[in-house]
Amino acid sequence: MQLGDSVRDAAESQDVAGVPAERLTYAGLTLTGASYHATDDEGRLQIPVGPLAREIAIYSVAITPLGHADHRD
């Protein structure tokens, strides 16, 4: 999540905060390690948005296909 007083400020912010896993809610998914797997076509991951310290928040979600090597840097 990146915060700013405008969309531009948030997008340019280098102060990126992750959303803790315990804040995520999910339905129709199973959690295995750090991976979520859909148990049916209705599986969903929900990211609750809490109070913001700034006017704008940008949430970015990275999706990696199964079997893809983990390249977090």
PDB file of N, CA and C in Angstrom:
ATOM      1  N   MET A   1       0.854  -1.160   0.000  1.00  0.00           N
ATOM      2  CA  MET A   1       0.000   0.000   0.000  1.00  0.00           C
ATOM      3  C   MET A   1       0.902   1.225   0.000  1.00  0.00           C
ATOM      4  N   GLN A   2       0.547   2.190  -0.839  1.00  0.00           N
ATOM      5  CA  GLN A   2       1.260   3.456  -0.895  1.00  0.00           C
ATOM      6  C   GLN A   2       0.275   4.574  -0.577  1.00  0.00           C
ATOM      7  N   LEU A   3       0.684   5.512   0.248  1.00  0.00           N
ATOM      8  CA  LEU A   3      -0.195   6.593   0.680  1.00  0.00           C
ATOM      9  C   LEU A   3       0.304   7.937   0.168  1.00  0.00           C
ATOM     10  N   GLY A   4      -0.642   8.868  -0.034  1.00  0.00           N
ATOM     11  CA  GLY A   4      -0.286  10.219  -0.438  1.00  0.00           C
ATOM     12  C   GLY A   4      -1.487  11.136  -0.355  1.00  0.00           C
ATOM     13  N   ASP A   5      -1.221  12.439  -0.530  1.00  0.00           N
ATOM     14  CA  ASP A   5      -2.298  13.423  -0.513  1.00  0.00           C
ATOM     15  C   ASP A   5      -2.971  13.549  -1.873  1.00  0.00           C
ATOM     16  N   SER A   6      -2.363  12.940  -2.904  1.00  0.00           N
ATOM     17  CA  SER A   6      -2.948  12.885  -4.246  1.00  0.00           C
ATOM     18  C   SER A   6      -2.568  11.538  -4.852  1.00  0.00           C
ATOM     19  N   VAL A   7      -3.196  11.195  -5.952  1.00  0.00           N
ATOM     20  CA  VAL A   7      -2.859   9.936  -6.630  1.00  0.00           C
ATOM     21  C   VAL A   7      -1.393   9.952  -7.045  1.00  0.00           C
ATOM     22  N   ARG A   8      -0.938  11.082  -7.558  1.00  0.00           N
ATOM     23  CA  ARG A   8       0.469  11.192  -7.979  1.00  0.00           C
ATOM     24  C   ARG A   8       1.409  10.977  -6.792  1.00  0.00           C
ATOM     25  N   ASP A   9       1.117  11.646  -5.660  1.00  0.00           N
ATOM     26  CA  ASP A   9       1.962  11.479  -4.466  1.00  0.00           C
ATOM     27  C   ASP A   9       2.013  10.018  -4.027  1.00  0.00           C
ATOM     28  N   ALA A  10       0.866   9.367  -3.998  1.00  0.00           N
ATOM     29  CA  ALA A  10       0.815   7.959  -3.566  1.00  0.00           C
ATOM     30  C   ALA A  10       1.582   7.065  -4.537  1.00  0.00           C
ATOM     31  N   ALA A  11       1.391   7.280  -5.839  1.00  0.00           N
ATOM     32  CA  ALA A  11       2.059   6.450  -6.848  1.00  0.00           C
ATOM     33  C   ALA A  11       3.570   6.627  -6.816  1.00  0.00           C
ATOM     34  N   GLU A  12       4.026   7.823  -6.500  1.00  0.00           N
ATOM     35  CA  GLU A  12       5.464   8.103  -6.476  1.00  0.00           C
ATOM     36  C   GLU A  12       6.107   7.777  -5.130  1.00  0.00           C
ATOM     37  N   SER A  13       5.298   7.480  -4.129  1.00  0.00           N
ATOM     38  CA  SER A  13       5.815   7.208  -2.791  1.00  0.00           C
ATOM     39  C   SER A  13       6.696   5.957  -2.786  1.00  0.00           C
ATOM     40  N   GLN A  14       7.847   6.083  -2.166  1.00  0.00           N
ATOM     41  CA  GLN A  14       8.742   4.941  -1.985  1.00  0.00           C
ATOM     42  C   GLN A  14       8.502   4.248  -0.640  1.00  0.00           C
ATOM     43  N   ASP A  15       7.605   4.812   0.151  1.00  0.00           N
ATOM     44  CA  ASP A  15       7.262   4.260   1.460  1.00  0.00           C
ATOM     45  C   ASP A  15       6.100   3.280   1.283  1.00  0.00           C
ATOM     46  N   VAL A  16       6.432   2.036   0.962  1.00  0.00           N
ATOM     47  CA  VAL A  16       5.430   1.012   0.675  1.00  0.00           C
ATOM     48  C   VAL A  16       5.205   0.168   1.921  1.00  0.00           C
ATOM     49  N   ALA A  17       3.947   0.018   2.306  1.00  0.00           N
ATOM     50  CA  ALA A  17       3.587  -0.780   3.482  1.00  0.00           C
ATOM     51  C   ALA A  17       2.810  -2.012   3.037  1.00  0.00           C
ATOM     52  N   GLY A  18       3.198  -3.166   3.537  1.00  0.00           N
ATOM     53  CA  GLY A  18       2.471  -4.391   3.240  1.00  0.00           C
ATOM     54  C   GLY A  18       1.228  -4.516   4.109  1.00  0.00           C
ATOM     55  N   VAL A  19       0.280  -5.292   3.656  1.00  0.00           N
ATOM     56  CA  VAL A  19      -0.916  -5.581   4.444  1.00  0.00           C
ATOM     57  C   VAL A  19      -0.645  -6.903   5.170  1.00  0.00           C
ATOM     58  N   PRO A  20      -0.670  -6.912   6.483  1.00  0.00           N
ATOM     59  CA  PRO A  20      -0.398  -8.145   7.224  1.00  0.00           C
ATOM     60  C   PRO A  20      -1.395  -9.254   6.857  1.00  0.00           C
ATOM     61  N   ALA A  21      -0.913 -10.463   6.739  1.00  0.00           N
ATOM     62  CA  ALA A  21      -1.753 -11.606   6.350  1.00  0.00           C
ATOM     63  C   ALA A  21      -2.950 -11.779   7.274  1.00  0.00           C
ATOM     64  N   GLU A  22      -2.796 -11.447   8.555  1.00  0.00           N
ATOM     65  CA  GLU A  22      -3.915 -11.632   9.485  1.00  0.00           C
ATOM     66  C   GLU A  22      -5.049 -10.656   9.232  1.00  0.00           C
ATOM     67  N   ARG A  23      -4.822  -9.603   8.442  1.00  0.00           N
ATOM     68  CA  ARG A  23      -5.904  -8.671   8.091  1.00  0.00           C
ATOM     69  C   ARG A  23      -6.706  -9.150   6.892  1.00  0.00           C
ATOM     70  N   LEU A  24      -6.168 -10.087   6.115  1.00  0.00           N
ATOM     71  CA  LEU A  24      -6.864 -10.592   4.934  1.00  0.00           C
ATOM     72  C   LEU A  24      -7.937 -11.579   5.350  1.00  0.00           C
ATOM     73  N   THR A  25      -9.043 -11.549   4.639  1.00  0.00           N
ATOM     74  CA  THR A  25     -10.081 -12.553   4.858  1.00  0.00           C
ATOM     75  C   THR A  25     -10.298 -13.276   3.538  1.00  0.00           C
ATOM     76  N   TYR A  26     -10.686 -14.522   3.631  1.00  0.00           N
ATOM     77  CA  TYR A  26     -10.870 -15.301   2.406  1.00  0.00           C
ATOM     78  C   TYR A  26     -12.016 -16.282   2.571  1.00  0.00           C
ATOM     79  N   ALA A  27     -12.621 -16.602   1.444  1.00  0.00           N
ATOM     80  CA  ALA A  27     -13.720 -17.572   1.420  1.00  0.00           C
ATOM     81  C   ALA A  27     -13.551 -18.433   0.179  1.00  0.00           C
ATOM     82  N   GLY A  28     -13.751 -19.719   0.313  1.00  0.00           N
ATOM     83  CA  GLY A  28     -13.591 -20.625  -0.819  1.00  0.00           C
ATOM     84  C   GLY A  28     -12.135 -20.801  -1.216  1.00  0.00           C
ATOM     85  N   LEU A  29     -11.228 -20.494  -0.289  1.00  0.00           N
ATOM     86  CA  LEU A  29      -9.796 -20.645  -0.539  1.00  0.00           C
ATOM     87  C   LEU A  29      -9.181 -21.428   0.605  1.00  0.00           C
ATOM     88  N   THR A  30      -8.095 -22.108   0.312  1.00  0.00           N
ATOM     89  CA  THR A  30      -7.299 -22.721   1.368  1.00  0.00           C
ATOM     90  C   THR A  30      -5.943 -22.038   1.362  1.00  0.00           C
ATOM     91  N   LEU A  31      -5.376 -21.862   2.528  1.00  0.00           N
ATOM     92  CA  LEU A  31      -4.069 -21.232   2.673  1.00  0.00           C
ATOM     93  C   LEU A  31      -3.046 -22.315   2.926  1.00  0.00           C
ATOM     94  N   THR A  32      -2.034 -22.389   2.073  1.00  0.00           N
ATOM     95  CA  THR A  32      -0.946 -23.338   2.216  1.00  0.00           C
ATOM     96  C   THR A  32       0.349 -22.543   2.217  1.00  0.00           C
ATOM     97  N   GLY A  33       0.956 -22.396   3.371  1.00  0.00           N
ATOM     98  CA  GLY A  33       2.160 -21.568   3.465  1.00  0.00           C
ATOM     99  C   GLY A  33       1.791 -20.124   3.173  1.00  0.00           C
ATOM    100  N   ALA A  34       2.366 -19.572   2.100  1.00  0.00           N
ATOM    101  CA  ALA A  34       2.064 -18.192   1.700  1.00  0.00           C
ATOM    102  C   ALA A  34       1.176 -18.162   0.463  1.00  0.00           C
ATOM    103  N   SER A  35       0.618 -19.317   0.074  1.00  0.00           N
ATOM    104  CA  SER A  35      -0.185 -19.401  -1.143  1.00  0.00           C
ATOM    105  C   SER A  35      -1.645 -19.690  -0.827  1.00  0.00           C
ATOM    106  N   TYR A  36      -2.520 -19.016  -1.548  1.00  0.00           N
ATOM    107  CA  TYR A  36      -3.955 -19.274  -1.464  1.00  0.00           C
ATOM    108  C   TYR A  36      -4.354 -20.081  -2.689  1.00  0.00           C
ATOM    109  N   HIS A  37      -5.181 -21.084  -2.502  1.00  0.00           N
ATOM    110  CA  HIS A  37      -5.664 -21.925  -3.598  1.00  0.00           C
ATOM    111  C   HIS A  37      -7.189 -21.949  -3.556  1.00  0.00           C
ATOM    112  N   ALA A  38      -7.803 -21.679  -4.709  1.00  0.00           N
ATOM    113  CA  ALA A  38      -9.267 -21.693  -4.787  1.00  0.00           C
ATOM    114  C   ALA A  38      -9.763 -23.126  -4.699  1.00  0.00           C
ATOM    115  N   THR A  39     -10.780 -23.330  -3.863  1.00  0.00           N
ATOM    116  CA  THR A  39     -11.382 -24.656  -3.743  1.00  0.00           C
ATOM    117  C   THR A  39     -12.554 -24.817  -4.703  1.00  0.00           C
ATOM    118  N   ASP A  40     -13.035 -23.686  -5.249  1.00  0.00           N
ATOM    119  CA  ASP A  40     -14.104 -23.717  -6.250  1.00  0.00           C
ATOM    120  C   ASP A  40     -14.067 -22.408  -7.033  1.00  0.00           C
ATOM    121  N   ASP A  41     -15.007 -22.219  -7.946  1.00  0.00           N
ATOM    122  CA  ASP A  41     -15.035 -21.017  -8.788  1.00  0.00           C
ATOM    123  C   ASP A  41     -15.421 -19.754  -8.017  1.00  0.00           C
ATOM    124  N   GLU A  42     -15.898 -19.905  -6.793  1.00  0.00           N
ATOM    125  CA  GLU A  42     -16.353 -18.759  -6.007  1.00  0.00           C
ATOM    126  C   GLU A  42     -15.305 -18.269  -5.015  1.00  0.00           C
ATOM    127  N   GLY A  43     -14.092 -18.812  -5.059  1.00  0.00           N
ATOM    128  CA  GLY A  43     -13.057 -18.419  -4.111  1.00  0.00           C
ATOM    129  C   GLY A  43     -12.722 -16.940  -4.238  1.00  0.00           C
ATOM    130  N   ARG A  44     -12.489 -16.289  -3.083  1.00  0.00           N
ATOM    131  CA  ARG A  44     -12.151 -14.867  -3.120  1.00  0.00           C
ATOM    132  C   ARG A  44     -11.276 -14.489  -1.930  1.00  0.00           C
ATOM    133  N   LEU A  45     -10.429 -13.521  -2.175  1.00  0.00           N
ATOM    134  CA  LEU A  45      -9.571 -12.947  -1.153  1.00  0.00           C
ATOM    135  C   LEU A  45     -10.017 -11.510  -0.960  1.00  0.00           C
ATOM    136  N   GLN A  46     -10.283 -11.134   0.271  1.00  0.00           N
ATOM    137  CA  GLN A  46     -10.767  -9.786   0.550  1.00  0.00           C
ATOM    138  C   GLN A  46      -9.714  -9.031   1.348  1.00  0.00           C
ATOM    139  N   ILE A  47      -9.479  -7.799   0.928  1.00  0.00           N
ATOM    140  CA  ILE A  47      -8.510  -6.938   1.598  1.00  0.00           C
ATOM    141  C   ILE A  47      -9.283  -5.791   2.236  1.00  0.00           C
ATOM    142  N   PRO A  48      -9.540  -5.865   3.538  1.00  0.00           N
ATOM    143  CA  PRO A  48     -10.280  -4.785   4.189  1.00  0.00           C
ATOM    144  C   PRO A  48      -9.444  -3.500   4.211  1.00  0.00           C
ATOM    145  N   VAL A  49     -10.090  -2.396   3.929  1.00  0.00           N
ATOM    146  CA  VAL A  49      -9.415  -1.101   3.952  1.00  0.00           C
ATOM    147  C   VAL A  49      -9.733  -0.432   5.278  1.00  0.00           C
ATOM    148  N   GLY A  50      -8.701  -0.190   6.048  1.00  0.00           N
ATOM    149  CA  GLY A  50      -8.886   0.448   7.347  1.00  0.00           C
ATOM    150  C   GLY A  50      -8.753   1.955   7.236  1.00  0.00           C
ATOM    151  N   PRO A  51      -8.728   2.632   8.356  1.00  0.00           N
ATOM    152  CA  PRO A  51      -8.549   4.086   8.361  1.00  0.00           C
ATOM    153  C   PRO A  51      -7.226   4.457   7.696  1.00  0.00           C
ATOM    154  N   LEU A  52      -7.229   5.521   6.933  1.00  0.00           N
ATOM    155  CA  LEU A  52      -6.027   5.940   6.205  1.00  0.00           C
ATOM    156  C   LEU A  52      -5.362   7.120   6.894  1.00  0.00           C
ATOM    157  N   ALA A  53      -4.041   7.125   6.871  1.00  0.00           N
ATOM    158  CA  ALA A  53      -3.280   8.235   7.442  1.00  0.00           C
ATOM    159  C   ALA A  53      -3.161   9.390   6.456  1.00  0.00           C
ATOM    160  N   ARG A  54      -3.455   9.129   5.177  1.00  0.00           N
ATOM    161  CA  ARG A  54      -3.385  10.161   4.135  1.00  0.00           C
ATOM    162  C   ARG A  54      -4.667  10.088   3.308  1.00  0.00           C
ATOM    163  N   GLU A  55      -4.842  11.015   2.383  1.00  0.00           N
ATOM    164  CA  GLU A  55      -6.068  11.134   1.591  1.00  0.00           C
ATOM    165  C   GLU A  55      -6.270   9.969   0.614  1.00  0.00           C
ATOM    166  N   ILE A  56      -5.182   9.497   0.005  1.00  0.00           N
ATOM    167  CA  ILE A  56      -5.248   8.482  -1.060  1.00  0.00           C
ATOM    168  C   ILE A  56      -4.404   7.267  -0.675  1.00  0.00           C
ATOM    169  N   ALA A  57      -4.917   6.072  -0.970  1.00  0.00           N
ATOM    170  CA  ALA A  57      -4.157   4.831  -0.796  1.00  0.00           C
ATOM    171  C   ALA A  57      -4.210   4.045  -2.097  1.00  0.00           C
ATOM    172  N   ILE A  58      -3.074   3.528  -2.516  1.00  0.00           N
ATOM    173  CA  ILE A  58      -3.004   2.655  -3.684  1.00  0.00           C
ATOM    174  C   ILE A  58      -2.604   1.269  -3.187  1.00  0.00           C
ATOM    175  N   TYR A  59      -3.453   0.288  -3.485  1.00  0.00           N
ATOM    176  CA  TYR A  59      -3.161  -1.098  -3.140  1.00  0.00           C
ATOM    177  C   TYR A  59      -2.724  -1.811  -4.414  1.00  0.00           C
ATOM    178  N   SER A  60      -1.575  -2.463  -4.389  1.00  0.00           N
ATOM    179  CA  SER A  60      -1.086  -3.240  -5.524  1.00  0.00           C
ATOM    180  C   SER A  60      -1.116  -4.711  -5.141  1.00  0.00           C
ATOM    181  N   VAL A  61      -1.587  -5.541  -6.046  1.00  0.00           N
ATOM    182  CA  VAL A  61      -1.672  -6.975  -5.804  1.00  0.00           C
ATOM    183  C   VAL A  61      -0.840  -7.694  -6.863  1.00  0.00           C
ATOM    184  N   ALA A  62       0.100  -8.507  -6.426  1.00  0.00           N
ATOM    185  CA  ALA A  62       0.920  -9.305  -7.334  1.00  0.00           C
ATOM    186  C   ALA A  62       0.340 -10.714  -7.399  1.00  0.00           C
ATOM    187  N   ILE A  63       0.125 -11.194  -8.598  1.00  0.00           N
ATOM    188  CA  ILE A  63      -0.422 -12.537  -8.801  1.00  0.00           C
ATOM    189  C   ILE A  63       0.624 -13.364  -9.526  1.00  0.00           C
ATOM    190  N   THR A  64       0.947 -14.521  -8.954  1.00  0.00           N
ATOM    191  CA  THR A  64       1.941 -15.404  -9.538  1.00  0.00           C
ATOM    192  C   THR A  64       1.296 -16.739  -9.873  1.00  0.00           C
ATOM    193  N   PRO A  65       1.455 -17.218 -11.103  1.00  0.00           N
ATOM    194  CA  PRO A  65       0.879 -18.518 -11.459  1.00  0.00           C
ATOM    195  C   PRO A  65       1.524 -19.653 -10.653  1.00  0.00           C
ATOM    196  N   LEU A  66       0.753 -20.701 -10.411  1.00  0.00           N
ATOM    197  CA  LEU A  66       1.293 -21.867  -9.722  1.00  0.00           C
ATOM    198  C   LEU A  66       2.491 -22.416 -10.481  1.00  0.00           C
ATOM    199  N   GLY A  67       3.482 -22.877  -9.761  1.00  0.00           N
ATOM    200  CA  GLY A  67       4.661 -23.464 -10.373  1.00  0.00           C
ATOM    201  C   GLY A  67       5.698 -22.444 -10.800  1.00  0.00           C
ATOM    202  N   HIS A  68       5.410 -21.169 -10.653  1.00  0.00           N
ATOM    203  CA  HIS A  68       6.350 -20.113 -11.022  1.00  0.00           C
ATOM    204  C   HIS A  68       7.332 -19.909  -9.883  1.00  0.00           C
ATOM    205  N   ALA A  69       8.595 -19.738 -10.192  1.00  0.00           N
ATOM    206  CA  ALA A  69       9.602 -19.508  -9.153  1.00  0.00           C
ATOM    207  C   ALA A  69       9.322 -18.199  -8.439  1.00  0.00           C
ATOM    208  N   ASP A  70       9.582 -18.168  -7.156  1.00  0.00           N
ATOM    209  CA  ASP A  70       9.377 -16.963  -6.348  1.00  0.00           C
ATOM    210  C   ASP A  70      10.575 -16.047  -6.551  1.00  0.00           C
ATOM    211  N   HIS A  71      10.321 -14.844  -7.115  1.00  0.00           N
ATOM    212  CA  HIS A  71      11.403 -13.899  -7.393  1.00  0.00           C
ATOM    213  C   HIS A  71      11.193 -12.592  -6.645  1.00  0.00           C
ATOM    214  N   ARG A  72      10.859 -12.656  -5.372  1.00  0.00           N
ATOM    215  CA  ARG A  72      10.701 -11.426  -4.585  1.00  0.00           C
ATOM    216  C   ARG A  72      12.066 -10.842  -4.302  1.00  0.00           C
ATOM    217  N   ASP A  73      12.236  -9.581  -4.653  1.00  0.00           N
ATOM    218  CA  ASP A  73      13.529  -8.901  -4.390  1.00  0.00           C
ATOM    219  C   ASP A  73      13.327  -7.713  -3.517  1.00  0.00           C
TER     220      ASP A  73
END
